[in-house]
Amino acid sequence: MTIHREGYRTIAISAFLFGVINMISFSFLSIHLPWLAIALFIITLGLFLFLVSFFRIPNRTHTINERQIICPADGKVVVIEEITDLEYFKDKRIQVSIFMSPANVHVNRNPMDGVVTYNQYHKGKYLVAWHPKSSTENERWSIAVKNNFGEILYKQIAGALAKRICNYTSVGQPVKQTEEYGFIKFGSRVDVLLPVGTTINVELNQVVKGGVTVLASW
């Protein structure tokens, strides 16, 4: 397991605060209120370990197959439905949405090989990530990728806690299946818009792993 570069600064600041808080706590509370000092240590340690865990990148064997579309994120499948895309395709698409809780790995990975044909950041609200309107009203970052099999759009969507979306792609950039393309901090979701007729390989409420679970097939 490694730590994502987006977490270096946050973890460093948290480690400093953890040290300062507990140094002060044990200096002033340990004699008269030792139980409070211990409780504070346990709580702050738990919060610090959670932050470290949030930015983890686990070691995995990724799924590579040009005829498959791989899940771009860890989490739970919360939507599988046909929608009309008004942002890019302007036609009907199958939307598959993956909800990422704060406990999930938050690295986002490319579902397939291809070339980036669209890249757009949208300012927006911070509705809870499972809200139906979060796909169109929340802060989000959309990219489309095209290859010989077709073109798909995937969106990084901020939730009530997520306040920063990181995206490392640009139009015209070649991308490789399962390679990292972004990161979302503190809870969110990813929507994948597929051509109608695409074979869906996941089910509602299924727990999936980014870069590993097969989302759909051409």
Protein backbone atom coordinates (compact mmCIF):
# COMPACT_ATOMS: atom_id res chain seq x y z
CA MET A 1 0.00 0.00 0.00
CA THR A 2 1.18 3.53 -0.77
CA ILE A 3 -0.16 7.01 0.01
CA HIS A 4 -1.58 9.20 -2.75
CA ARG A 5 0.29 12.44 -3.44
CA GLU A 6 -2.92 14.43 -2.81
CA GLY A 7 -2.69 13.35 0.82
CA TYR A 8 0.87 14.41 1.64
CA ARG A 9 0.02 17.94 2.79
CA THR A 10 -3.18 16.93 4.64
CA ILE A 11 -1.43 14.09 6.46
CA ALA A 12 1.55 16.29 7.39
CA ILE A 13 -0.72 18.99 8.86
CA SER A 14 -2.77 16.33 10.69
CA ALA A 15 0.36 14.73 12.14
CA PHE A 16 1.53 18.13 13.42
CA LEU A 17 -1.85 18.89 15.02
CA PHE A 18 -2.00 15.39 16.51
CA GLY A 19 1.38 15.92 18.14
CA VAL A 20 0.62 19.41 19.42
CA ILE A 21 -2.83 18.51 20.81
CA ASN A 22 -1.55 15.47 22.67
CA MET A 23 1.59 17.19 23.94
CA ILE A 24 -0.60 19.90 25.47
CA SER A 25 -3.12 17.34 26.69
CA PHE A 26 -0.60 15.15 28.52
CA SER A 27 1.22 18.18 29.89
CA PHE A 28 -1.87 19.72 31.51
CA LEU A 29 -4.42 16.91 31.88
CA SER A 30 -2.46 13.75 32.62
CA ILE A 31 -1.99 14.53 36.35
CA HIS A 32 -5.53 15.56 37.29
CA LEU A 33 -7.62 14.09 34.46
CA PRO A 34 -5.62 11.17 33.03
CA TRP A 35 -8.75 9.53 31.60
CA LEU A 36 -9.49 12.65 29.54
CA ALA A 37 -5.93 12.79 28.21
CA ILE A 38 -6.13 9.12 27.20
CA ALA A 39 -9.56 9.58 25.61
CA LEU A 40 -8.32 12.59 23.64
CA PHE A 41 -5.30 10.60 22.48
CA ILE A 42 -7.46 7.70 21.29
CA ILE A 43 -9.89 10.01 19.44
CA THR A 44 -7.19 12.05 17.72
CA LEU A 45 -5.23 8.90 16.83
CA GLY A 46 -8.36 7.42 15.28
CA LEU A 47 -8.94 10.57 13.21
CA PHE A 48 -5.32 10.63 12.07
CA LEU A 49 -5.37 6.97 11.03
CA PHE A 50 -8.62 7.56 9.15
CA LEU A 51 -6.98 10.36 7.14
CA VAL A 52 -4.02 8.14 6.32
CA SER A 53 -6.40 5.36 5.27
CA PHE A 54 -8.44 7.74 3.10
CA PHE A 55 -5.44 8.53 0.92
CA ARG A 56 -4.30 4.92 0.57
CA ILE A 57 -3.54 3.26 -2.74
CA PRO A 58 -3.82 -0.52 -2.20
CA ASN A 59 -1.74 -2.99 -4.18
CA ARG A 60 -4.02 -4.69 -6.72
CA THR A 61 -3.90 -6.71 -9.90
CA HIS A 62 -5.88 -4.63 -12.38
CA THR A 63 -8.16 -5.98 -15.10
CA ILE A 64 -6.93 -5.25 -18.62
CA ASN A 65 -9.20 -6.17 -21.52
CA GLU A 66 -9.93 -4.02 -24.56
CA ARG A 67 -13.46 -5.42 -24.91
CA GLN A 68 -14.36 -4.55 -21.32
CA ILE A 69 -15.08 -1.30 -19.48
CA ILE A 70 -13.64 -1.39 -15.97
CA CYS A 71 -15.06 0.34 -12.89
CA PRO A 72 -13.37 3.74 -12.45
CA ALA A 73 -13.81 3.82 -8.67
CA ASP A 74 -14.34 1.78 -5.52
CA GLY A 75 -17.80 1.86 -3.95
CA LYS A 76 -21.36 0.66 -4.41
CA VAL A 77 -23.43 0.70 -7.61
CA VAL A 78 -26.40 2.97 -6.82
CA VAL A 79 -27.84 3.71 -10.29
CA ILE A 80 -28.29 1.71 -13.49
CA GLU A 81 -30.72 3.45 -15.79
CA GLU A 82 -31.27 4.89 -19.25
CA ILE A 83 -31.04 8.68 -19.31
CA THR A 84 -30.86 11.50 -21.85
CA ASP A 85 -27.44 13.12 -21.67
CA LEU A 86 -27.73 16.88 -22.12
CA GLU A 87 -24.09 17.72 -21.52
CA TYR A 88 -22.16 16.04 -24.32
CA PHE A 89 -23.80 13.26 -26.34
CA LYS A 90 -27.25 14.89 -26.56
CA ASP A 91 -28.88 11.48 -26.84
CA LYS A 92 -29.89 8.48 -24.73
CA ARG A 93 -27.23 6.73 -22.69
CA ILE A 94 -27.03 4.08 -19.99
CA GLN A 95 -25.86 5.64 -16.74
CA VAL A 96 -24.08 3.54 -14.13
CA SER A 97 -23.27 5.39 -10.89
CA ILE A 98 -20.85 4.32 -8.18
CA PHE A 99 -21.17 5.89 -4.73
CA MET A 100 -17.90 6.27 -2.84
CA SER A 101 -18.14 6.55 0.95
CA PRO A 102 -15.34 8.24 2.96
CA ALA A 103 -14.06 4.73 3.80
CA ASN A 104 -13.53 3.76 0.15
CA VAL A 105 -10.35 4.14 -1.88
CA HIS A 106 -10.74 7.46 -3.74
CA VAL A 107 -8.33 7.04 -6.63
CA ASN A 108 -10.17 7.23 -9.98
CA ARG A 109 -9.01 5.04 -12.86
CA ASN A 110 -9.68 5.07 -16.61
CA PRO A 111 -12.33 2.49 -17.57
CA MET A 112 -10.73 1.85 -20.99
CA ASP A 113 -7.93 2.77 -23.38
CA GLY A 114 -8.58 5.70 -25.70
CA VAL A 115 -8.12 9.37 -26.39
CA VAL A 116 -9.74 12.16 -24.36
CA THR A 117 -12.26 13.94 -26.59
CA TYR A 118 -13.91 16.15 -23.95
CA ASN A 119 -12.79 17.59 -20.63
CA GLN A 120 -14.95 20.03 -18.69
CA TYR A 121 -15.05 21.21 -15.08
CA HIS A 122 -18.44 22.42 -13.76
CA LYS A 123 -18.96 24.47 -10.61
CA GLY A 124 -22.04 23.47 -8.68
CA LYS A 125 -23.78 22.53 -5.45
CA TYR A 126 -22.77 20.00 -2.80
CA LEU A 127 -25.88 17.84 -2.55
CA VAL A 128 -25.38 14.42 -0.96
CA ALA A 129 -23.78 12.18 -3.58
CA TRP A 130 -26.76 9.81 -3.81
CA HIS A 131 -29.20 12.62 -4.59
CA PRO A 132 -30.68 12.15 -8.12
CA LYS A 133 -29.82 15.74 -9.09
CA SER A 134 -26.18 15.49 -7.99
CA SER A 135 -25.22 14.27 -11.49
CA THR A 136 -26.29 17.55 -13.07
CA GLU A 137 -26.24 20.12 -10.26
CA ASN A 138 -23.21 19.28 -8.08
CA GLU A 139 -19.65 20.35 -8.68
CA ARG A 140 -18.28 17.83 -11.18
CA TRP A 141 -15.60 17.10 -13.73
CA SER A 142 -16.61 15.30 -16.93
CA ILE A 143 -14.36 13.66 -19.48
CA ALA A 144 -15.17 11.64 -22.59
CA VAL A 145 -12.84 8.99 -24.00
CA LYS A 146 -13.10 7.36 -27.41
CA ASN A 147 -11.53 4.26 -28.94
CA ASN A 148 -12.28 1.81 -31.77
CA PHE A 149 -15.20 0.28 -29.85
CA GLY A 150 -17.01 3.49 -28.93
CA GLU A 151 -17.08 6.58 -26.75
CA ILE A 152 -18.03 6.92 -23.09
CA LEU A 153 -18.36 9.83 -20.67
CA TYR A 154 -17.45 9.62 -17.01
CA LYS A 155 -18.00 12.21 -14.32
CA GLN A 156 -16.31 12.83 -11.00
CA ILE A 157 -19.06 14.28 -8.79
CA ALA A 158 -18.54 16.06 -5.47
CA GLY A 159 -20.78 15.16 -2.55
CA ALA A 160 -21.73 16.93 0.68
CA LEU A 161 -18.23 16.41 2.10
CA ALA A 162 -16.14 16.41 -1.07
CA LYS A 163 -14.73 19.87 -1.65
CA ARG A 164 -11.99 19.16 -4.14
CA ILE A 165 -11.97 17.20 -7.38
CA CYS A 166 -8.58 16.47 -8.94
CA ASN A 167 -8.39 15.58 -12.64
CA TYR A 168 -5.16 14.94 -14.51
CA THR A 169 -6.40 14.70 -18.13
CA SER A 170 -6.72 17.05 -21.09
CA VAL A 171 -8.34 16.90 -24.54
CA GLY A 172 -6.27 14.93 -27.02
CA GLN A 173 -4.43 13.01 -24.32
CA PRO A 174 -4.12 9.21 -24.81
CA VAL A 175 -5.16 7.29 -21.68
CA LYS A 176 -4.59 3.71 -20.63
CA GLN A 177 -7.14 1.40 -19.04
CA THR A 178 -6.95 1.32 -15.20
CA GLU A 179 -4.32 4.09 -15.04
CA GLU A 180 -5.12 6.87 -12.58
CA TYR A 181 -6.86 9.92 -14.01
CA GLY A 182 -8.08 11.70 -10.88
CA PHE A 183 -8.92 11.80 -7.18
CA ILE A 184 -11.88 13.14 -5.17
CA LYS A 185 -11.48 14.13 -1.53
CA PHE A 186 -13.92 12.97 1.16
CA GLY A 187 -16.93 11.15 -0.26
CA SER A 188 -18.42 11.40 -3.73
CA ARG A 189 -19.57 9.41 -6.74
CA VAL A 190 -18.60 8.62 -10.30
CA ASP A 191 -21.12 8.35 -13.16
CA VAL A 192 -20.30 6.42 -16.32
CA LEU A 193 -22.43 7.08 -19.43
CA LEU A 194 -22.41 4.19 -21.90
CA PRO A 195 -23.95 3.70 -25.36
CA VAL A 196 -27.43 2.15 -25.31
CA GLY A 197 -27.06 -1.57 -25.97
CA THR A 198 -23.83 -1.95 -24.01
CA THR A 199 -23.77 -5.13 -21.89
CA ILE A 200 -23.81 -4.18 -18.20
CA ASN A 201 -21.83 -6.55 -15.96
CA VAL A 202 -22.71 -5.10 -12.55
CA GLU A 203 -25.90 -5.02 -10.49
CA LEU A 204 -27.54 -2.48 -8.20
CA ASN A 205 -26.01 -2.41 -4.70
CA GLN A 206 -22.99 -4.41 -5.86
CA VAL A 207 -19.73 -3.45 -4.19
CA VAL A 208 -17.06 -2.84 -6.82
CA LYS A 209 -13.33 -2.16 -6.96
CA GLY A 210 -11.81 0.50 -9.18
CA GLY A 211 -9.50 -0.90 -11.81
CA VAL A 212 -10.63 -4.46 -11.06
CA THR A 213 -14.39 -5.03 -11.41
CA VAL A 214 -15.78 -5.26 -14.95
CA LEU A 215 -18.50 -2.61 -15.31
CA ALA A 216 -19.61 -3.38 -18.88
CA SER A 217 -18.57 -5.09 -22.10
CA TRP A 218 -18.56 -4.01 -25.75
